[in-house]
């Protein structure tokens, strides 16, 4: 009886191993593409390559659709029309764009105006300076600043309409649109039944679930002065990370760098930080807060991170050849 029982046990173990071997093995499939003017890669944990590719393609299309709606350079976009006609009448912008504009206002309140999507007049002024190779005068900057104030947006939630209080106002969603697009891509991937994936669009990242084997996703944060060097590595699940820096887009005049992240309150490029990295529950929040903290004084930015439990991050400050990072209290836990 003992021999027979052992044979039966061995048979069931071998049968179990055999049937488990027939189950599809999950692995990471990746797909890259060019979207909204940058390079993007999506990684999906799946046992089915075909379905994973379909999910990636649908996600990329969701990003393109979001980008088209919020692209102020596209004359046919909702945002472009709002910037052209928004001071004369309340315009319908659709649910998605209205939601982003409304959320930007919440972040603006939270950061005391460090983030302000009505910064367009200033962006146009500094773009002209770059094109003509002539810096704007203090008078021109002050005049543009008078047109920048998110509180001069009139929102009509029941109709998804927006109106400008002042002639000459305009909206730029560059500080928040990429995050919104990433979140839209994540929602799209989930409709295919996937819960373990990573989305990387131009260095802003959202991760969901875990890698095969249950390990967290490892994300590298770019060094602000060495393009191919990683400044830090963190382990993430179900959250987003975004970085803002003075190295992304800039021009030089008289030996000084003028980058694209403007302080909406002064009208000049923010020059207190070198880069800011923020971890949040979603990409739109990480994107917006990273920009806002870059504009703040480093001590104010760090205090903001420590006071708001929903976000963590670090701020790189210093001068060339002597950089150091100021971390929020909870950021260290992402290294574990």
Protein backbone atom coordinates (compact mmCIF):
# COMPACT_ATOMS: atom_id res chain seq x y z
CA UNK A 1 0.00 0.00 0.00
CA UNK A 2 2.81 2.40 0.84
CA UNK A 3 4.50 1.81 -2.53
CA UNK A 4 1.17 2.21 -4.33
CA UNK A 5 0.42 5.48 -2.50
CA UNK A 6 3.85 6.82 -3.38
CA UNK A 7 3.34 5.90 -7.02
CA UNK A 8 -0.01 7.69 -7.07
CA UNK A 9 1.57 10.75 -5.43
CA UNK A 10 4.43 10.78 -7.92
CA UNK A 11 1.95 10.43 -10.78
CA UNK A 12 -0.14 13.42 -9.64
CA UNK A 13 2.96 15.57 -9.10
CA UNK A 14 4.26 14.77 -12.57
CA UNK A 15 0.81 15.35 -14.07
CA UNK A 16 0.59 18.70 -12.31
CA UNK A 17 4.00 19.73 -13.60
CA UNK A 18 2.99 18.66 -17.12
CA UNK A 19 -0.25 20.64 -17.12
CA UNK A 20 1.49 23.70 -15.67
CA UNK A 21 4.00 23.49 -18.49
CA UNK A 22 1.12 23.79 -20.94
CA UNK A 23 0.01 27.13 -19.46
CA UNK A 24 1.13 30.20 -21.43
CA UNK A 25 4.18 31.89 -19.91
CA UNK A 26 3.92 35.60 -19.22
CA UNK A 27 6.79 37.77 -20.35
CA UNK A 28 7.44 41.42 -21.14
CA UNK A 29 6.55 42.63 -24.63
CA UNK A 30 7.71 46.10 -25.68
CA UNK A 31 6.63 48.39 -28.47
CA UNK A 32 8.12 51.79 -29.37
CA UNK A 33 6.78 54.64 -31.44
CA UNK A 34 7.05 58.36 -32.05
CA UNK A 35 4.15 60.29 -30.51
CA UNK A 36 3.45 63.95 -29.62
CA UNK A 37 6.89 64.99 -30.74
CA UNK A 38 8.86 62.56 -28.61
CA UNK A 39 9.92 58.91 -28.37
CA UNK A 40 7.71 56.51 -26.45
CA UNK A 41 7.94 52.88 -25.33
CA UNK A 42 5.31 50.69 -23.70
CA UNK A 43 6.13 47.44 -21.88
CA UNK A 44 3.30 44.98 -21.20
CA UNK A 45 3.45 41.75 -19.20
CA UNK A 46 1.44 39.24 -21.20
CA UNK A 47 1.28 35.67 -22.41
CA UNK A 48 -0.18 36.82 -25.74
CA UNK A 49 2.07 38.90 -27.98
CA UNK A 50 -0.70 39.75 -30.44
CA UNK A 51 -3.06 41.15 -27.81
CA UNK A 52 -0.17 43.04 -26.19
CA UNK A 53 0.67 44.67 -29.53
CA UNK A 54 -2.96 45.63 -30.06
CA UNK A 55 -3.03 47.23 -26.61
CA UNK A 56 0.18 49.16 -27.35
CA UNK A 57 -1.10 50.43 -30.69
CA UNK A 58 -4.39 51.51 -29.12
CA UNK A 59 -2.50 53.27 -26.31
CA UNK A 60 -0.29 55.13 -28.78
CA UNK A 61 -3.37 56.25 -30.66
CA UNK A 62 -4.93 57.48 -27.40
CA UNK A 63 -1.78 59.53 -26.80
CA UNK A 64 -1.95 61.01 -30.30
CA UNK A 65 -5.61 61.89 -29.88
CA UNK A 66 -4.92 63.59 -26.56
CA UNK A 67 -1.96 65.43 -28.00
CA UNK A 68 -3.97 66.68 -30.96
CA UNK A 69 -6.67 68.11 -28.71
CA UNK A 70 -4.12 69.98 -26.57
CA UNK A 71 -1.68 71.08 -29.26
CA UNK A 72 -1.76 74.86 -29.46
CA UNK A 73 0.34 74.78 -32.64
CA UNK A 74 -2.33 72.84 -34.54
CA UNK A 75 -4.78 75.42 -35.99
CA UNK A 76 -7.53 72.79 -35.99
CA UNK A 77 -7.12 71.81 -32.33
CA UNK A 78 -9.61 72.67 -29.61
CA UNK A 79 -6.91 74.55 -27.71
CA UNK A 80 -5.88 76.59 -30.72
CA UNK A 81 -9.45 77.71 -31.28
CA UNK A 82 -9.82 78.61 -27.62
CA UNK A 83 -6.67 80.73 -27.76
CA UNK A 84 -7.98 82.51 -30.86
CA UNK A 85 -11.57 83.15 -29.76
CA UNK A 86 -11.70 82.53 -26.00
CA UNK A 87 -11.77 86.19 -25.01
CA UNK A 88 -14.87 86.95 -27.06
CA UNK A 89 -17.07 84.02 -26.06
CA UNK A 90 -17.19 80.86 -23.96
CA UNK A 91 -16.06 77.98 -26.14
CA UNK A 92 -16.83 74.28 -25.89
CA UNK A 93 -13.58 72.36 -25.41
CA UNK A 94 -14.88 68.85 -24.72
CA UNK A 95 -14.78 66.72 -21.61
CA UNK A 96 -11.12 65.73 -21.75
CA UNK A 97 -9.61 69.19 -22.34
CA UNK A 98 -11.99 70.79 -19.86
CA UNK A 99 -10.99 68.23 -17.23
CA UNK A 100 -7.29 68.97 -17.76
CA UNK A 101 -7.83 72.74 -17.58
CA UNK A 102 -9.88 72.35 -14.41
CA UNK A 103 -7.29 70.08 -12.80
CA UNK A 104 -4.52 72.52 -13.71
CA UNK A 105 -6.43 75.16 -11.77
CA UNK A 106 -6.49 72.91 -8.72
CA UNK A 107 -2.70 72.45 -8.93
CA UNK A 108 -2.29 76.20 -9.42
CA UNK A 109 -4.20 76.86 -6.21
CA UNK A 110 -2.18 74.19 -4.41
CA UNK A 111 1.15 75.65 -5.58
CA UNK A 112 0.11 79.30 -5.17
CA UNK A 113 0.42 80.02 -8.87
CA UNK A 114 3.78 78.35 -9.48
CA UNK A 115 1.95 76.36 -12.15
CA UNK A 116 -0.13 78.54 -14.46
CA UNK A 117 -1.38 77.29 -17.82
CA UNK A 118 -2.21 80.85 -18.94
CA UNK A 119 1.53 81.43 -19.40
CA UNK A 120 1.19 81.49 -23.21
CA UNK A 121 1.83 85.26 -23.67
CA UNK A 122 5.16 84.85 -21.89
CA UNK A 123 6.09 81.76 -23.88
CA UNK A 124 5.37 83.64 -27.10
CA UNK A 125 7.47 86.59 -25.95
CA UNK A 126 10.48 84.41 -25.13
CA UNK A 127 10.09 82.39 -28.33
CA UNK A 128 10.25 85.67 -30.26
CA UNK A 129 13.41 86.54 -28.32
CA UNK A 130 14.99 83.24 -29.32
CA UNK A 131 13.98 83.61 -32.98
CA UNK A 132 15.14 87.23 -33.29
CA UNK A 133 18.14 86.80 -30.98
CA UNK A 134 17.05 89.83 -28.94
CA UNK A 135 16.11 89.54 -25.27
CA UNK A 136 12.77 91.06 -24.25
CA UNK A 137 12.82 94.32 -22.30
CA UNK A 138 11.64 94.45 -18.68
CA UNK A 139 8.66 96.49 -19.92
CA UNK A 140 7.66 93.79 -22.42
CA UNK A 141 7.94 91.09 -19.76
CA UNK A 142 5.81 93.07 -17.27
CA UNK A 143 3.14 93.68 -19.91
CA UNK A 144 2.99 89.96 -20.72
CA UNK A 145 2.80 89.03 -17.02
CA UNK A 146 -0.38 91.14 -16.74
CA UNK A 147 -2.06 88.67 -19.10
CA UNK A 148 -1.00 85.63 -17.06
CA UNK A 149 -3.37 84.58 -14.28
CA UNK A 150 -5.25 81.29 -14.14
CA UNK A 151 -7.91 82.99 -12.04
CA UNK A 152 -8.91 84.93 -15.15
CA UNK A 153 -10.29 81.76 -16.69
CA UNK A 154 -14.05 81.36 -16.49
CA UNK A 155 -15.11 77.72 -16.47
CA UNK A 156 -18.58 76.36 -17.24
CA UNK A 157 -18.55 72.75 -15.94
CA UNK A 158 -22.06 71.81 -17.04
CA UNK A 159 -21.24 72.78 -20.64
CA UNK A 160 -17.49 72.03 -20.78
CA UNK A 161 -16.87 75.60 -21.89
CA UNK A 162 -14.03 78.02 -21.12
CA UNK A 163 -13.73 81.80 -21.50
CA UNK A 164 -10.91 84.31 -21.01
CA UNK A 165 -11.56 87.41 -18.93
CA UNK A 166 -8.85 89.41 -20.72
CA UNK A 167 -8.09 90.04 -24.37
CA UNK A 168 -4.67 88.60 -25.25
CA UNK A 169 -4.78 85.72 -22.80
CA UNK A 170 -3.85 82.23 -23.91
CA UNK A 171 -3.35 78.69 -22.62
CA UNK A 172 -0.39 76.37 -23.02
CA UNK A 173 -0.78 72.85 -21.64
CA UNK A 174 2.85 71.80 -22.11
CA UNK A 175 3.33 71.45 -18.36
CA UNK A 176 0.52 68.95 -17.99
CA UNK A 177 -0.50 67.50 -21.38
CA UNK A 178 2.11 64.73 -21.47
CA UNK A 179 0.97 63.46 -18.10
CA UNK A 180 -2.65 63.57 -19.24
CA UNK A 181 -1.74 61.59 -22.37
CA UNK A 182 0.11 58.94 -20.33
CA UNK A 183 -2.88 58.49 -18.03
CA UNK A 184 -5.12 58.12 -21.06
CA UNK A 185 -2.77 55.47 -22.46
CA UNK A 186 -2.90 53.59 -19.13
CA UNK A 187 -6.70 53.62 -19.17
CA UNK A 188 -6.64 52.27 -22.72
CA UNK A 189 -4.27 49.41 -21.88
CA UNK A 190 -6.47 48.37 -18.97
CA UNK A 191 -9.44 47.95 -21.33
CA UNK A 192 -7.51 45.04 -22.87
CA UNK A 193 -7.38 43.35 -19.47
CA UNK A 194 -3.74 44.13 -18.65
CA UNK A 195 -2.70 45.26 -15.18
CA UNK A 196 1.09 44.91 -15.37
CA UNK A 197 2.72 47.43 -17.70
CA UNK A 198 5.03 50.44 -17.97
CA UNK A 199 4.52 53.51 -20.18
CA UNK A 200 7.48 55.77 -20.98
CA UNK A 201 6.75 58.88 -23.03
CA UNK A 202 9.67 61.23 -23.36
CA UNK A 203 11.06 60.22 -19.97
CA UNK A 204 7.82 60.66 -18.04
CA UNK A 205 6.72 57.26 -16.81
CA UNK A 206 3.69 55.46 -15.41
CA UNK A 207 3.93 51.93 -14.02
CA UNK A 208 1.14 49.53 -13.18
CA UNK A 209 1.47 46.27 -11.28
CA UNK A 210 4.75 44.38 -11.39
CA UNK A 211 7.16 42.57 -13.65
CA UNK A 212 7.03 38.77 -14.14
CA UNK A 213 8.03 37.14 -10.87
CA UNK A 214 6.39 39.85 -8.79
CA UNK A 215 9.29 42.32 -8.76
CA UNK A 216 8.67 46.06 -8.92
CA UNK A 217 9.56 48.02 -12.03
CA UNK A 218 12.95 49.76 -11.86
CA UNK A 219 13.00 53.29 -13.27
CA UNK A 220 16.08 55.39 -13.92
CA UNK A 221 16.09 59.18 -13.50
CA UNK A 222 18.28 61.01 -16.03
CA UNK A 223 21.22 63.07 -14.84
CA UNK A 224 20.50 66.72 -15.74
CA UNK A 225 24.04 67.35 -17.00
CA UNK A 226 25.07 63.96 -18.42
CA UNK A 227 22.59 62.73 -21.01
CA UNK A 228 23.60 59.07 -20.92
CA UNK A 229 24.04 58.86 -17.15
CA UNK A 230 21.37 57.82 -14.66
CA UNK A 231 21.19 60.03 -11.58
CA UNK A 232 19.05 57.66 -9.52
CA UNK A 233 17.19 54.34 -9.72
CA UNK A 234 13.88 53.76 -7.98
CA UNK A 235 11.50 50.82 -7.65
CA UNK A 236 7.88 51.58 -8.47
CA UNK A 237 4.45 50.04 -8.75
CA UNK A 238 1.12 51.71 -9.50
CA UNK A 239 2.45 55.25 -9.73
CA UNK A 240 4.06 57.79 -12.05
CA UNK A 241 7.33 59.72 -12.14
CA UNK A 242 8.04 62.93 -14.06
CA UNK A 243 11.07 65.20 -14.30
CA UNK A 244 11.39 68.86 -15.29
CA UNK A 245 14.76 70.42 -16.02
CA UNK A 246 16.62 73.35 -17.52
CA UNK A 247 18.33 71.04 -20.02
CA UNK A 248 15.29 70.12 -22.11
CA UNK A 249 14.73 73.21 -24.30
CA UNK A 250 16.75 76.40 -24.12
CA UNK A 251 18.73 79.01 -26.01
CA UNK A 252 21.85 80.96 -25.06
CA UNK A 253 22.45 84.68 -25.24
CA UNK A 254 25.54 86.54 -24.04
CA UNK A 255 26.82 83.38 -22.39
CA UNK A 256 23.63 82.81 -20.36
CA UNK A 257 21.12 79.99 -20.73
CA UNK A 258 17.41 80.85 -21.12
CA UNK A 259 15.25 77.74 -20.85
CA UNK A 260 11.56 77.12 -21.50
CA UNK A 261 10.26 76.78 -17.91
CA UNK A 262 9.07 80.27 -17.02
CA UNK A 263 8.05 81.63 -13.65
CA UNK A 264 4.53 82.91 -14.42
CA UNK A 265 4.81 85.40 -11.57
CA UNK A 266 8.01 87.14 -12.72
CA UNK A 267 7.91 86.40 -16.43
CA UNK A 268 11.49 85.15 -16.55
CA UNK A 269 12.95 81.63 -16.79
CA UNK A 270 13.01 79.99 -13.36
CA UNK A 271 16.66 79.72 -12.32
CA UNK A 272 16.65 78.31 -8.80
CA UNK A 273 16.66 74.59 -9.67
CA UNK A 274 18.44 72.42 -12.20
CA UNK A 275 15.90 69.61 -12.26
CA UNK A 276 12.94 68.35 -10.23
CA UNK A 277 11.61 64.80 -10.10
CA UNK A 278 8.21 63.93 -8.67
CA UNK A 279 6.51 60.61 -7.91
CA UNK A 280 2.69 60.65 -7.72
CA UNK A 281 -0.25 58.32 -8.12
CA UNK A 282 -0.88 59.45 -11.69
CA UNK A 283 1.14 61.02 -14.47
CA UNK A 284 -0.82 64.25 -14.80
CA UNK A 285 -0.10 65.09 -11.14
CA UNK A 286 3.59 64.14 -11.36
CA UNK A 287 3.98 66.21 -14.54
CA UNK A 288 2.28 69.32 -13.15
CA UNK A 289 3.93 69.24 -9.73
CA UNK A 290 7.40 68.69 -11.22
CA UNK A 291 6.95 71.91 -13.22
CA UNK A 292 5.55 73.84 -10.27
CA UNK A 293 8.36 72.82 -7.91
CA UNK A 294 10.95 73.77 -10.52
CA UNK A 295 9.57 77.31 -10.42
CA UNK A 296 9.62 77.52 -6.61
CA UNK A 297 12.59 78.19 -4.38
CA UNK A 298 14.23 74.81 -3.58
CA UNK A 299 13.34 75.15 0.12
CA UNK A 300 9.71 75.91 -0.78
CA UNK A 301 9.57 72.99 -3.19
CA UNK A 302 10.95 70.57 -0.63
CA UNK A 303 8.52 71.87 1.98
CA UNK A 304 5.67 71.39 -0.49
CA UNK A 305 6.67 67.76 -1.07
CA UNK A 306 6.92 67.07 2.66
CA UNK A 307 3.54 68.69 3.40
CA UNK A 308 1.69 66.76 0.69
CA UNK A 309 1.69 63.02 1.36
CA UNK A 310 0.39 62.24 -2.15
CA UNK A 311 3.70 63.23 -3.74
CA UNK A 312 7.40 62.56 -3.16
CA UNK A 313 10.49 63.58 -5.04
CA UNK A 314 13.81 65.34 -5.14
CA UNK A 315 15.26 68.64 -6.34
CA UNK A 316 18.69 69.00 -7.94
CA UNK A 317 20.41 72.29 -7.15
CA UNK A 318 23.91 73.74 -7.25
CA UNK A 319 26.30 74.97 -9.90
CA UNK A 320 28.09 73.22 -12.73
CA UNK A 321 30.40 70.56 -11.32
CA UNK A 322 28.86 70.78 -7.86
CA UNK A 323 25.32 69.43 -7.90
CA UNK A 324 23.41 67.88 -5.03
CA UNK A 325 19.88 66.56 -4.51
CA UNK A 326 17.39 67.58 -1.84
CA UNK A 327 14.98 64.70 -1.16
CA UNK A 328 11.53 64.64 0.39
CA UNK A 329 11.18 62.59 3.55
CA UNK A 330 9.41 59.66 1.91
CA UNK A 331 11.39 59.46 -1.31
CA UNK A 332 13.97 57.04 0.14
CA UNK A 333 11.35 54.29 0.33
CA UNK A 334 11.29 54.05 -3.47
CA UNK A 335 14.83 52.73 -3.40
CA UNK A 336 13.86 49.64 -1.38
